[in-house]
Amino acid sequence: MIFWEADALNDRENLYKFLYDFNPLVAEKADELLVSRIELLFEYPELGVNRLGLPGRLLIIPDISLVVSYIIRDDHLFILRVLHQKQNRPNL
Protein backbone atom coordinates (compact mmCIF):
# COMPACT_ATOMS: atom_id res chain seq x y z
CA MET A 1 0.00 0.00 0.00
CA ILE A 2 1.17 3.54 -0.76
CA PHE A 3 0.78 6.27 1.86
CA TRP A 4 1.30 9.95 1.14
CA GLU A 5 2.51 12.04 4.07
CA ALA A 6 0.83 15.45 4.44
CA ASP A 7 3.97 17.29 3.26
CA ALA A 8 4.13 15.15 0.12
CA LEU A 9 0.47 15.81 -0.68
CA ASN A 10 1.06 19.54 -0.21
CA ASP A 11 4.13 19.36 -2.45
CA ARG A 12 2.12 17.58 -5.13
CA GLU A 13 -0.73 20.09 -4.94
CA ASN A 14 1.62 23.09 -5.07
CA LEU A 15 3.45 21.66 -8.08
CA TYR A 16 0.15 21.06 -9.85
CA LYS A 17 -1.10 24.59 -9.15
CA PHE A 18 2.20 26.12 -10.27
CA LEU A 19 2.18 24.22 -13.56
CA TYR A 20 -1.54 24.72 -14.12
CA ASP A 21 -1.09 28.49 -14.14
CA PHE A 22 1.24 28.08 -17.14
CA ASN A 23 -0.41 25.17 -18.90
CA PRO A 24 -3.22 22.93 -17.57
CA LEU A 25 -2.27 20.09 -19.91
CA VAL A 26 1.31 20.09 -18.66
CA ALA A 27 0.06 20.03 -15.06
CA GLU A 28 -2.07 16.95 -15.80
CA LYS A 29 0.74 15.14 -17.62
CA ALA A 30 3.27 15.90 -14.88
CA ASP A 31 0.91 14.64 -12.18
CA GLU A 32 0.17 11.48 -14.17
CA LEU A 33 3.89 10.84 -14.61
CA LEU A 34 4.55 11.41 -10.92
CA VAL A 35 1.83 8.95 -9.91
CA SER A 36 2.93 6.33 -12.43
CA ARG A 37 6.55 6.48 -11.21
CA ILE A 38 5.43 6.17 -7.59
CA GLU A 39 3.26 3.18 -8.48
CA LEU A 40 6.33 1.66 -10.15
CA LEU A 41 8.23 2.28 -6.91
CA PHE A 42 5.70 0.17 -5.08
CA GLU A 43 6.56 -2.74 -7.37
CA TYR A 44 10.32 -2.02 -7.39
CA PRO A 45 11.13 -0.13 -4.17
CA GLU A 46 14.88 -0.27 -4.76
CA LEU A 47 14.64 1.99 -7.83
CA GLY A 48 15.54 5.00 -5.76
CA VAL A 49 19.02 5.74 -4.49
CA ASN A 50 20.20 5.40 -0.90
CA ARG A 51 20.95 8.51 1.06
CA LEU A 52 24.10 8.00 3.08
CA GLY A 53 23.51 8.61 6.75
CA LEU A 54 19.80 9.29 6.28
CA PRO A 55 16.85 6.92 6.35
CA GLY A 56 14.87 6.35 3.20
CA ARG A 57 15.62 6.68 -0.46
CA LEU A 58 15.27 9.23 -3.26
CA LEU A 59 13.62 8.60 -6.59
CA ILE A 60 14.79 11.04 -9.23
CA ILE A 61 12.32 11.76 -12.04
CA PRO A 62 14.42 13.66 -14.58
CA ASP A 63 11.54 14.05 -17.08
CA ILE A 64 9.96 16.64 -14.77
CA SER A 65 12.96 17.45 -12.55
CA LEU A 66 11.44 15.99 -9.38
CA VAL A 67 12.90 14.19 -6.42
CA VAL A 68 10.63 11.92 -4.40
CA SER A 69 11.74 11.09 -0.87
CA TYR A 70 10.31 7.82 0.44
CA ILE A 71 10.74 5.04 2.95
CA ILE A 72 9.72 1.42 2.86
CA ARG A 73 8.37 -0.33 5.93
CA ASP A 74 7.12 -3.89 5.66
CA ASP A 75 4.91 -3.89 2.57
CA HIS A 76 4.15 -0.17 2.76
CA LEU A 77 5.61 2.68 0.77
CA PHE A 78 5.55 6.09 2.47
CA ILE A 79 5.98 9.13 0.23
CA LEU A 80 7.59 11.81 2.39
CA ARG A 81 8.21 14.72 0.01
CA VAL A 82 7.98 15.62 -3.67
CA LEU A 83 10.39 18.42 -4.53
CA HIS A 84 11.68 20.10 -7.64
CA GLN A 85 15.40 19.42 -8.02
CA LYS A 86 16.22 23.12 -7.80
CA GLN A 87 14.19 23.73 -4.65
CA ASN A 88 15.95 24.25 -1.37
CA ARG A 89 15.45 20.98 0.41
CA PRO A 90 13.91 21.06 3.87
CA ASN A 91 15.01 18.55 6.46
CA LEU A 92 13.54 15.29 5.26
PDB file of N, CA and C in Angstrom:
ATOM      1  N   MET A   1       0.842  -1.178   0.000  1.00  0.00           N
ATOM      2  CA  MET A   1       0.000   0.000   0.000  1.00  0.00           C
ATOM      3  C   MET A   1       0.891   1.247   0.000  1.00  0.00           C
ATOM      4  N   ILE A   2       0.436   2.275  -0.673  1.00  0.00           N
ATOM      5  CA  ILE A   2       1.169   3.538  -0.761  1.00  0.00           C
ATOM      6  C   ILE A   2       0.488   4.568   0.131  1.00  0.00           C
ATOM      7  N   PHE A   3       1.276   5.209   0.979  1.00  0.00           N
ATOM      8  CA  PHE A   3       0.782   6.266   1.858  1.00  0.00           C
ATOM      9  C   PHE A   3       1.507   7.563   1.521  1.00  0.00           C
ATOM     10  N   TRP A   4       0.736   8.624   1.383  1.00  0.00           N
ATOM     11  CA  TRP A   4       1.299   9.948   1.141  1.00  0.00           C
ATOM     12  C   TRP A   4       1.279  10.723   2.445  1.00  0.00           C
ATOM     13  N   GLU A   5       2.442  11.170   2.889  1.00  0.00           N
ATOM     14  CA  GLU A   5       2.506  12.039   4.068  1.00  0.00           C
ATOM     15  C   GLU A   5       1.913  13.403   3.687  1.00  0.00           C
ATOM     16  N   ALA A   6       1.468  14.154   4.686  1.00  0.00           N
ATOM     17  CA  ALA A   6       0.830  15.449   4.443  1.00  0.00           C
ATOM     18  C   ALA A   6       1.741  16.390   3.647  1.00  0.00           C
ATOM     19  N   ASP A   7       3.030  16.421   3.987  1.00  0.00           N
ATOM     20  CA  ASP A   7       3.972  17.288   3.263  1.00  0.00           C
ATOM     21  C   ASP A   7       4.046  16.909   1.782  1.00  0.00           C
ATOM     22  N   ALA A   8       4.053  15.615   1.503  1.00  0.00           N
ATOM     23  CA  ALA A   8       4.134  15.150   0.118  1.00  0.00           C
ATOM     24  C   ALA A   8       2.872  15.532  -0.656  1.00  0.00           C
ATOM     25  N   LEU A   9       1.719  15.402  -0.023  1.00  0.00           N
ATOM     26  CA  LEU A   9       0.471  15.810  -0.681  1.00  0.00           C
ATOM     27  C   LEU A   9       0.460  17.311  -0.954  1.00  0.00           C
ATOM     28  N   ASN A  10       0.956  18.092  -0.003  1.00  0.00           N
ATOM     29  CA  ASN A  10       1.058  19.543  -0.210  1.00  0.00           C
ATOM     30  C   ASN A  10       2.020  19.871  -1.340  1.00  0.00           C
ATOM     31  N   ASP A  11       3.162  19.159  -1.373  1.00  0.00           N
ATOM     32  CA  ASP A  11       4.129  19.364  -2.454  1.00  0.00           C
ATOM     33  C   ASP A  11       3.488  19.089  -3.806  1.00  0.00           C
ATOM     34  N   ARG A  12       2.765  17.968  -3.874  1.00  0.00           N
ATOM     35  CA  ARG A  12       2.119  17.581  -5.132  1.00  0.00           C
ATOM     36  C   ARG A  12       1.092  18.624  -5.558  1.00  0.00           C
ATOM     37  N   GLU A  13       0.286  19.085  -4.631  1.00  0.00           N
ATOM     38  CA  GLU A  13      -0.734  20.087  -4.937  1.00  0.00           C
ATOM     39  C   GLU A  13      -0.099  21.400  -5.388  1.00  0.00           C
ATOM     40  N   ASN A  14       0.949  21.835  -4.705  1.00  0.00           N
ATOM     41  CA  ASN A  14       1.624  23.085  -5.070  1.00  0.00           C
ATOM     42  C   ASN A  14       2.257  22.998  -6.449  1.00  0.00           C
ATOM     43  N   LEU A  15       2.861  21.859  -6.758  1.00  0.00           N
ATOM     44  CA  LEU A  15       3.447  21.658  -8.080  1.00  0.00           C
ATOM     45  C   LEU A  15       2.364  21.732  -9.143  1.00  0.00           C
ATOM     46  N   TYR A  16       1.252  21.060  -8.896  1.00  0.00           N
ATOM     47  CA  TYR A  16       0.149  21.059  -9.854  1.00  0.00           C
ATOM     48  C   TYR A  16      -0.366  22.485 -10.093  1.00  0.00           C
ATOM     49  N   LYS A  17      -0.596  23.220  -9.023  1.00  0.00           N
ATOM     50  CA  LYS A  17      -1.098  24.592  -9.146  1.00  0.00           C
ATOM     51  C   LYS A  17      -0.120  25.478  -9.914  1.00  0.00           C
ATOM     52  N   PHE A  18       1.173  25.331  -9.598  1.00  0.00           N
ATOM     53  CA  PHE A  18       2.202  26.123 -10.271  1.00  0.00           C
ATOM     54  C   PHE A  18       2.183  25.849 -11.774  1.00  0.00           C
ATOM     55  N   LEU A  19       2.180  24.579 -12.148  1.00  0.00           N
ATOM     56  CA  LEU A  19       2.180  24.218 -13.563  1.00  0.00           C
ATOM     57  C   LEU A  19       0.875  24.589 -14.251  1.00  0.00           C
ATOM     58  N   TYR A  20      -0.227  24.439 -13.539  1.00  0.00           N
ATOM     59  CA  TYR A  20      -1.545  24.722 -14.116  1.00  0.00           C
ATOM     60  C   TYR A  20      -1.660  26.178 -14.561  1.00  0.00           C
ATOM     61  N   ASP A  21      -1.053  27.078 -13.784  1.00  0.00           N
ATOM     62  CA  ASP A  21      -1.094  28.492 -14.144  1.00  0.00           C
ATOM     63  C   ASP A  21      -0.435  28.747 -15.495  1.00  0.00           C
ATOM     64  N   PHE A  22       0.544  27.927 -15.853  1.00  0.00           N
ATOM     65  CA  PHE A  22       1.236  28.079 -17.136  1.00  0.00           C
ATOM     66  C   PHE A  22       0.562  27.283 -18.244  1.00  0.00           C
ATOM     67  N   ASN A  23       0.162  26.045 -17.890  1.00  0.00           N
ATOM     68  CA  ASN A  23      -0.415  25.171 -18.899  1.00  0.00           C
ATOM     69  C   ASN A  23      -1.133  24.009 -18.210  1.00  0.00           C
ATOM     70  N   PRO A  24      -2.464  23.994 -18.236  1.00  0.00           N
ATOM     71  CA  PRO A  24      -3.217  22.929 -17.570  1.00  0.00           C
ATOM     72  C   PRO A  24      -2.874  21.529 -18.071  1.00  0.00           C
ATOM     73  N   LEU A  25      -2.610  21.401 -19.367  1.00  0.00           N
ATOM     74  CA  LEU A  25      -2.269  20.090 -19.915  1.00  0.00           C
ATOM     75  C   LEU A  25      -0.941  19.580 -19.351  1.00  0.00           C
ATOM     76  N   VAL A  26       0.019  20.461 -19.226  1.00  0.00           N
ATOM     77  CA  VAL A  26       1.313  20.094 -18.656  1.00  0.00           C
ATOM     78  C   VAL A  26       1.150  19.678 -17.197  1.00  0.00           C
ATOM     79  N   ALA A  27       0.308  20.383 -16.463  1.00  0.00           N
ATOM     80  CA  ALA A  27       0.057  20.035 -15.060  1.00  0.00           C
ATOM     81  C   ALA A  27      -0.513  18.623 -14.952  1.00  0.00           C
ATOM     82  N   GLU A  28      -1.472  18.298 -15.807  1.00  0.00           N
ATOM     83  CA  GLU A  28      -2.068  16.953 -15.797  1.00  0.00           C
ATOM     84  C   GLU A  28      -1.038  15.889 -16.142  1.00  0.00           C
ATOM     85  N   LYS A  29      -0.267  16.125 -17.184  1.00  0.00           N
ATOM     86  CA  LYS A  29       0.741  15.144 -17.620  1.00  0.00           C
ATOM     87  C   LYS A  29       1.802  14.934 -16.546  1.00  0.00           C
ATOM     88  N   ALA A  30       2.255  16.011 -15.923  1.00  0.00           N
ATOM     89  CA  ALA A  30       3.270  15.905 -14.877  1.00  0.00           C
ATOM     90  C   ALA A  30       2.736  15.102 -13.689  1.00  0.00           C
ATOM     91  N   ASP A  31       1.501  15.364 -13.302  1.00  0.00           N
ATOM     92  CA  ASP A  31       0.914  14.637 -12.182  1.00  0.00           C
ATOM     93  C   ASP A  31       0.746  13.154 -12.518  1.00  0.00           C
ATOM     94  N   GLU A  32       0.310  12.874 -13.733  1.00  0.00           N
ATOM     95  CA  GLU A  32       0.173  11.477 -14.167  1.00  0.00           C
ATOM     96  C   GLU A  32       1.519  10.763 -14.144  1.00  0.00           C
ATOM     97  N   LEU A  33       2.563  11.439 -14.616  1.00  0.00           N
ATOM     98  CA  LEU A  33       3.894  10.841 -14.612  1.00  0.00           C
ATOM     99  C   LEU A  33       4.374  10.599 -13.188  1.00  0.00           C
ATOM    100  N   LEU A  34       4.169  11.564 -12.321  1.00  0.00           N
ATOM    101  CA  LEU A  34       4.550  11.407 -10.920  1.00  0.00           C
ATOM    102  C   LEU A  34       3.871  10.181 -10.310  1.00  0.00           C
ATOM    103  N   VAL A  35       2.574  10.069 -10.480  1.00  0.00           N
ATOM    104  CA  VAL A  35       1.828   8.947  -9.906  1.00  0.00           C
ATOM    105  C   VAL A  35       2.281   7.619 -10.505  1.00  0.00           C
ATOM    106  N   SER A  36       2.506   7.585 -11.804  1.00  0.00           N
ATOM    107  CA  SER A  36       2.932   6.327 -12.431  1.00  0.00           C
ATOM    108  C   SER A  36       4.308   5.890 -11.935  1.00  0.00           C
ATOM    109  N   ARG A  37       5.217   6.839 -11.725  1.00  0.00           N
ATOM    110  CA  ARG A  37       6.548   6.483 -11.215  1.00  0.00           C
ATOM    111  C   ARG A  37       6.470   6.006  -9.769  1.00  0.00           C
ATOM    112  N   ILE A  38       5.585   6.596  -8.982  1.00  0.00           N
ATOM    113  CA  ILE A  38       5.431   6.167  -7.593  1.00  0.00           C
ATOM    114  C   ILE A  38       4.787   4.788  -7.539  1.00  0.00           C
ATOM    115  N   GLU A  39       3.841   4.521  -8.421  1.00  0.00           N
ATOM    116  CA  GLU A  39       3.263   3.180  -8.483  1.00  0.00           C
ATOM    117  C   GLU A  39       4.326   2.155  -8.881  1.00  0.00           C
ATOM    118  N   LEU A  40       5.225   2.538  -9.763  1.00  0.00           N
ATOM    119  CA  LEU A  40       6.329   1.662 -10.147  1.00  0.00           C
ATOM    120  C   LEU A  40       7.249   1.406  -8.954  1.00  0.00           C
ATOM    121  N   LEU A  41       7.440   2.433  -8.136  1.00  0.00           N
ATOM    122  CA  LEU A  41       8.234   2.283  -6.915  1.00  0.00           C
ATOM    123  C   LEU A  41       7.654   1.217  -5.993  1.00  0.00           C
ATOM    124  N   PHE A  42       6.347   1.159  -5.938  1.00  0.00           N
ATOM    125  CA  PHE A  42       5.700   0.169  -5.080  1.00  0.00           C
ATOM    126  C   PHE A  42       6.066  -1.236  -5.531  1.00  0.00           C
ATOM    127  N   GLU A  43       6.174  -1.442  -6.839  1.00  0.00           N
ATOM    128  CA  GLU A  43       6.564  -2.737  -7.375  1.00  0.00           C
ATOM    129  C   GLU A  43       8.069  -2.976  -7.248  1.00  0.00           C
ATOM    130  N   TYR A  44       8.853  -1.933  -7.414  1.00  0.00           N
ATOM    131  CA  TYR A  44      10.321  -2.021  -7.390  1.00  0.00           C
ATOM    132  C   TYR A  44      10.883  -0.962  -6.443  1.00  0.00           C
ATOM    133  N   PRO A  45      10.761  -1.170  -5.136  1.00  0.00           N
ATOM    134  CA  PRO A  45      11.132  -0.134  -4.166  1.00  0.00           C
ATOM    135  C   PRO A  45      12.612   0.236  -4.152  1.00  0.00           C
ATOM    136  N   GLU A  46      13.447  -0.579  -4.743  1.00  0.00           N
ATOM    137  CA  GLU A  46      14.878  -0.273  -4.764  1.00  0.00           C
ATOM    138  C   GLU A  46      15.285   0.608  -5.945  1.00  0.00           C
ATOM    139  N   LEU A  47      14.320   1.107  -6.702  1.00  0.00           N
ATOM    140  CA  LEU A  47      14.637   1.988  -7.834  1.00  0.00           C
ATOM    141  C   LEU A  47      15.320   3.276  -7.398  1.00  0.00           C
ATOM    142  N   GLY A  48      14.945   3.760  -6.255  1.00  0.00           N
ATOM    143  CA  GLY A  48      15.540   4.998  -5.755  1.00  0.00           C
ATOM    144  C   GLY A  48      16.950   4.751  -5.241  1.00  0.00           C
ATOM    145  N   VAL A  49      17.650   5.833  -4.988  1.00  0.00           N
ATOM    146  CA  VAL A  49      19.020   5.742  -4.490  1.00  0.00           C
ATOM    147  C   VAL A  49      19.039   5.911  -2.978  1.00  0.00           C
ATOM    148  N   ASN A  50      20.005   5.245  -2.341  1.00  0.00           N
ATOM    149  CA  ASN A  50      20.198   5.397  -0.900  1.00  0.00           C
ATOM    150  C   ASN A  50      20.733   6.780  -0.599  1.00  0.00           C
ATOM    151  N   ARG A  51      20.417   7.244   0.584  1.00  0.00           N
ATOM    152  CA  ARG A  51      20.955   8.514   1.061  1.00  0.00           C
ATOM    153  C   ARG A  51      21.865   8.183   2.232  1.00  0.00           C
ATOM    154  N   LEU A  52      23.134   8.349   2.047  1.00  0.00           N
ATOM    155  CA  LEU A  52      24.101   7.996   3.078  1.00  0.00           C
ATOM    156  C   LEU A  52      23.826   8.754   4.373  1.00  0.00           C
ATOM    157  N   GLY A  53      23.707   8.016   5.450  1.00  0.00           N
ATOM    158  CA  GLY A  53      23.507   8.614   6.753  1.00  0.00           C
ATOM    159  C   GLY A  53      22.080   9.056   7.044  1.00  0.00           C
ATOM    160  N   LEU A  54      21.194   8.885   6.097  1.00  0.00           N
ATOM    161  CA  LEU A  54      19.802   9.288   6.281  1.00  0.00           C
ATOM    162  C   LEU A  54      18.890   8.115   5.957  1.00  0.00           C
ATOM    163  N   PRO A  55      17.786   8.010   6.669  1.00  0.00           N
ATOM    164  CA  PRO A  55      16.849   6.924   6.345  1.00  0.00           C
ATOM    165  C   PRO A  55      16.110   7.216   5.046  1.00  0.00           C
ATOM    166  N   GLY A  56      15.662   6.191   4.408  1.00  0.00           N
ATOM    167  CA  GLY A  56      14.866   6.345   3.199  1.00  0.00           C
ATOM    168  C   GLY A  56      15.700   6.420   1.938  1.00  0.00           C
ATOM    169  N   ARG A  57      15.000   6.646   0.854  1.00  0.00           N
ATOM    170  CA  ARG A  57      15.623   6.676  -0.461  1.00  0.00           C
ATOM    171  C   ARG A  57      15.069   7.865  -1.249  1.00  0.00           C
ATOM    172  N   LEU A  58      15.721   8.168  -2.362  1.00  0.00           N
ATOM    173  CA  LEU A  58      15.269   9.229  -3.262  1.00  0.00           C
ATOM    174  C   LEU A  58      15.040   8.647  -4.645  1.00  0.00           C
ATOM    175  N   LEU A  59      13.890   8.938  -5.197  1.00  0.00           N
ATOM    176  CA  LEU A  59      13.616   8.605  -6.586  1.00  0.00           C
ATOM    177  C   LEU A  59      13.750   9.893  -7.381  1.00  0.00           C
ATOM    178  N   ILE A  60      14.588   9.868  -8.382  1.00  0.00           N
ATOM    179  CA  ILE A  60      14.791  11.039  -9.231  1.00  0.00           C
ATOM    180  C   ILE A  60      13.976  10.836 -10.507  1.00  0.00           C
ATOM    181  N   ILE A  61      13.140  11.813 -10.823  1.00  0.00           N
ATOM    182  CA  ILE A  61      12.322  11.761 -12.037  1.00  0.00           C
ATOM    183  C   ILE A  61      12.809  12.890 -12.945  1.00  0.00           C
ATOM    184  N   PRO A  62      13.804  12.597 -13.786  1.00  0.00           N
ATOM    185  CA  PRO A  62      14.418  13.664 -14.581  1.00  0.00           C
ATOM    186  C   PRO A  62      13.477  14.280 -15.611  1.00  0.00           C
ATOM    187  N   ASP A  63      12.477  13.542 -16.068  1.00  0.00           N
ATOM    188  CA  ASP A  63      11.544  14.054 -17.077  1.00  0.00           C
ATOM    189  C   ASP A  63      10.881  15.351 -16.623  1.00  0.00           C
ATOM    190  N   ILE A  64      10.625  15.455 -15.308  1.00  0.00           N
ATOM    191  CA  ILE A  64       9.955  16.641 -14.772  1.00  0.00           C
ATOM    192  C   ILE A  64      10.750  17.257 -13.617  1.00  0.00           C
ATOM    193  N   SER A  65      12.020  16.889 -13.524  1.00  0.00           N
ATOM    194  CA  SER A  65      12.959  17.453 -12.552  1.00  0.00           C
ATOM    195  C   SER A  65      12.468  17.358 -11.104  1.00  0.00           C
ATOM    196  N   LEU A  66      11.928  16.195 -10.736  1.00  0.00           N
ATOM    197  CA  LEU A  66      11.440  15.994  -9.380  1.00  0.00           C
ATOM    198  C   LEU A  66      12.268  14.971  -8.635  1.00  0.00           C
ATOM    199  N   VAL A  67      12.280  15.144  -7.331  1.00  0.00           N
ATOM    200  CA  VAL A  67      12.895  14.187  -6.424  1.00  0.00           C
ATOM    201  C   VAL A  67      11.815  13.768  -5.437  1.00  0.00           C
ATOM    202  N   VAL A  68      11.623  12.459  -5.317  1.00  0.00           N
ATOM    203  CA  VAL A  68      10.628  11.919  -4.397  1.00  0.00           C
ATOM    204  C   VAL A  68      11.378  11.233  -3.262  1.00  0.00           C
ATOM    205  N   SER A  69      11.140  11.695  -2.059  1.00  0.00           N
ATOM    206  CA  SER A  69      11.736  11.089  -0.870  1.00  0.00           C
ATOM    207  C   SER A  69      10.729  10.079  -0.321  1.00  0.00           C
ATOM    208  N   TYR A  70      11.219   8.859  -0.037  1.00  0.00           N
ATOM    209  CA  TYR A  70      10.312   7.818   0.439  1.00  0.00           C
ATOM    210  C   TYR A  70      11.023   6.837   1.349  1.00  0.00           C
ATOM    211  N   ILE A  71      10.224   6.133   2.127  1.00  0.00           N
ATOM    212  CA  ILE A  71      10.738   5.043   2.946  1.00  0.00           C
ATOM    213  C   ILE A  71       9.838   3.825   2.730  1.00  0.00           C
ATOM    214  N   ILE A  72      10.424   2.686   2.993  1.00  0.00           N
ATOM    215  CA  ILE A  72       9.716   1.423   2.863  1.00  0.00           C
ATOM    216  C   ILE A  72       9.697   0.772   4.237  1.00  0.00           C
ATOM    217  N   ARG A  73       8.513   0.398   4.675  1.00  0.00           N
ATOM    218  CA  ARG A  73       8.370  -0.333   5.934  1.00  0.00           C
ATOM    219  C   ARG A  73       7.422  -1.483   5.690  1.00  0.00           C
ATOM    220  N   ASP A  74       7.909  -2.680   5.931  1.00  0.00           N
ATOM    221  CA  ASP A  74       7.124  -3.886   5.661  1.00  0.00           C
ATOM    222  C   ASP A  74       6.690  -3.847   4.197  1.00  0.00           C
ATOM    223  N   ASP A  75       5.412  -3.943   3.940  1.00  0.00           N
ATOM    224  CA  ASP A  75       4.907  -3.891   2.565  1.00  0.00           C
ATOM    225  C   ASP A  75       4.283  -2.536   2.243  1.00  0.00           C
ATOM    226  N   HIS A  76       4.725  -1.502   2.945  1.00  0.00           N
ATOM    227  CA  HIS A  76       4.146  -0.175   2.765  1.00  0.00           C
ATOM    228  C   HIS A  76       5.196   0.794   2.244  1.00  0.00           C
ATOM    229  N   LEU A  77       4.766   1.639   1.338  1.00  0.00           N
ATOM    230  CA  LEU A  77       5.615   2.678   0.772  1.00  0.00           C
ATOM    231  C   LEU A  77       5.080   4.013   1.272  1.00  0.00           C
ATOM    232  N   PHE A  78       5.938   4.782   1.929  1.00  0.00           N
ATOM    233  CA  PHE A  78       5.553   6.088   2.466  1.00  0.00           C
ATOM    234  C   PHE A  78       6.241   7.173   1.649  1.00  0.00           C
ATOM    235  N   ILE A  79       5.447   8.009   1.002  1.00  0.00           N
ATOM    236  CA  ILE A  79       5.978   9.129   0.230  1.00  0.00           C
ATOM    237  C   ILE A  79       6.098  10.307   1.197  1.00  0.00           C
ATOM    238  N   LEU A  80       7.333  10.761   1.409  1.00  0.00           N
ATOM    239  CA  LEU A  80       7.593  11.813   2.388  1.00  0.00           C
ATOM    240  C   LEU A  80       7.518  13.213   1.793  1.00  0.00           C
ATOM    241  N   ARG A  81       8.167  13.405   0.660  1.00  0.00           N
ATOM    242  CA  ARG A  81       8.214  14.720   0.013  1.00  0.00           C
ATOM    243  C   ARG A  81       8.294  14.538  -1.492  1.00  0.00           C
ATOM    244  N   VAL A  82       7.850  15.545  -2.223  1.00  0.00           N
ATOM    245  CA  VAL A  82       7.983  15.619  -3.674  1.00  0.00           C
ATOM    246  C   VAL A  82       8.499  17.018  -3.959  1.00  0.00           C
ATOM    247  N   LEU A  83       9.748  17.109  -4.369  1.00  0.00           N
ATOM    248  CA  LEU A  83      10.385  18.416  -4.529  1.00  0.00           C
ATOM    249  C   LEU A  83      11.001  18.565  -5.913  1.00  0.00           C
ATOM    250  N   HIS A  84      10.977  19.802  -6.409  1.00  0.00           N
ATOM    251  CA  HIS A  84      11.684  20.097  -7.644  1.00  0.00           C
ATOM    252  C   HIS A  84      13.180  20.058  -7.332  1.00  0.00           C
ATOM    253  N   GLN A  85      13.969  19.585  -8.266  1.00  0.00           N
ATOM    254  CA  GLN A  85      15.403  19.421  -8.024  1.00  0.00           C
ATOM    255  C   GLN A  85      16.113  20.723  -7.691  1.00  0.00           C
ATOM    256  N   LYS A  86      15.564  21.856  -8.084  1.00  0.00           N
ATOM    257  CA  LYS A  86      16.216  23.124  -7.800  1.00  0.00           C
ATOM    258  C   LYS A  86      15.698  23.804  -6.537  1.00  0.00           C
ATOM    259  N   GLN A  87      14.710  23.178  -5.895  1.00  0.00           N
ATOM    260  CA  GLN A  87      14.194  23.732  -4.653  1.00  0.00           C
ATOM    261  C   GLN A  87      15.204  23.549  -3.530  1.00  0.00           C
ATOM    262  N   ASN A  88      15.191  24.476  -2.594  1.00  0.00           N
ATOM    263  CA  ASN A  88      15.945  24.251  -1.365  1.00  0.00           C
ATOM    264  C   ASN A  88      15.263  23.116  -0.627  1.00  0.00           C
ATOM    265  N   ARG A  89      16.030  22.149  -0.221  1.00  0.00           N
ATOM    266  CA  ARG A  89      15.455  20.981   0.411  1.00  0.00           C
ATOM    267  C   ARG A  89      15.292  21.190   1.908  1.00  0.00           C
ATOM    268  N   PRO A  90      14.095  21.013   2.427  1.00  0.00           N
ATOM    269  CA  PRO A  90      13.908  21.064   3.875  1.00  0.00           C
ATOM    270  C   PRO A  90      14.479  19.801   4.489  1.00  0.00           C
ATOM    271  N   ASN A  91      14.583  19.773   5.788  1.00  0.00           N
ATOM    272  CA  ASN A  91      15.014  18.546   6.457  1.00  0.00           C
ATOM    273  C   ASN A  91      13.999  17.466   6.172  1.00  0.00           C
ATOM    274  N   LEU A  92      14.462  16.374   5.607  1.00  0.00           N
ATOM    275  CA  LEU A  92      13.543  15.286   5.265  1.00  0.00           C
ATOM    276  C   LEU A  92      13.529  14.290   6.380  1.00  0.00           C
TER     277      LEU A  92
END
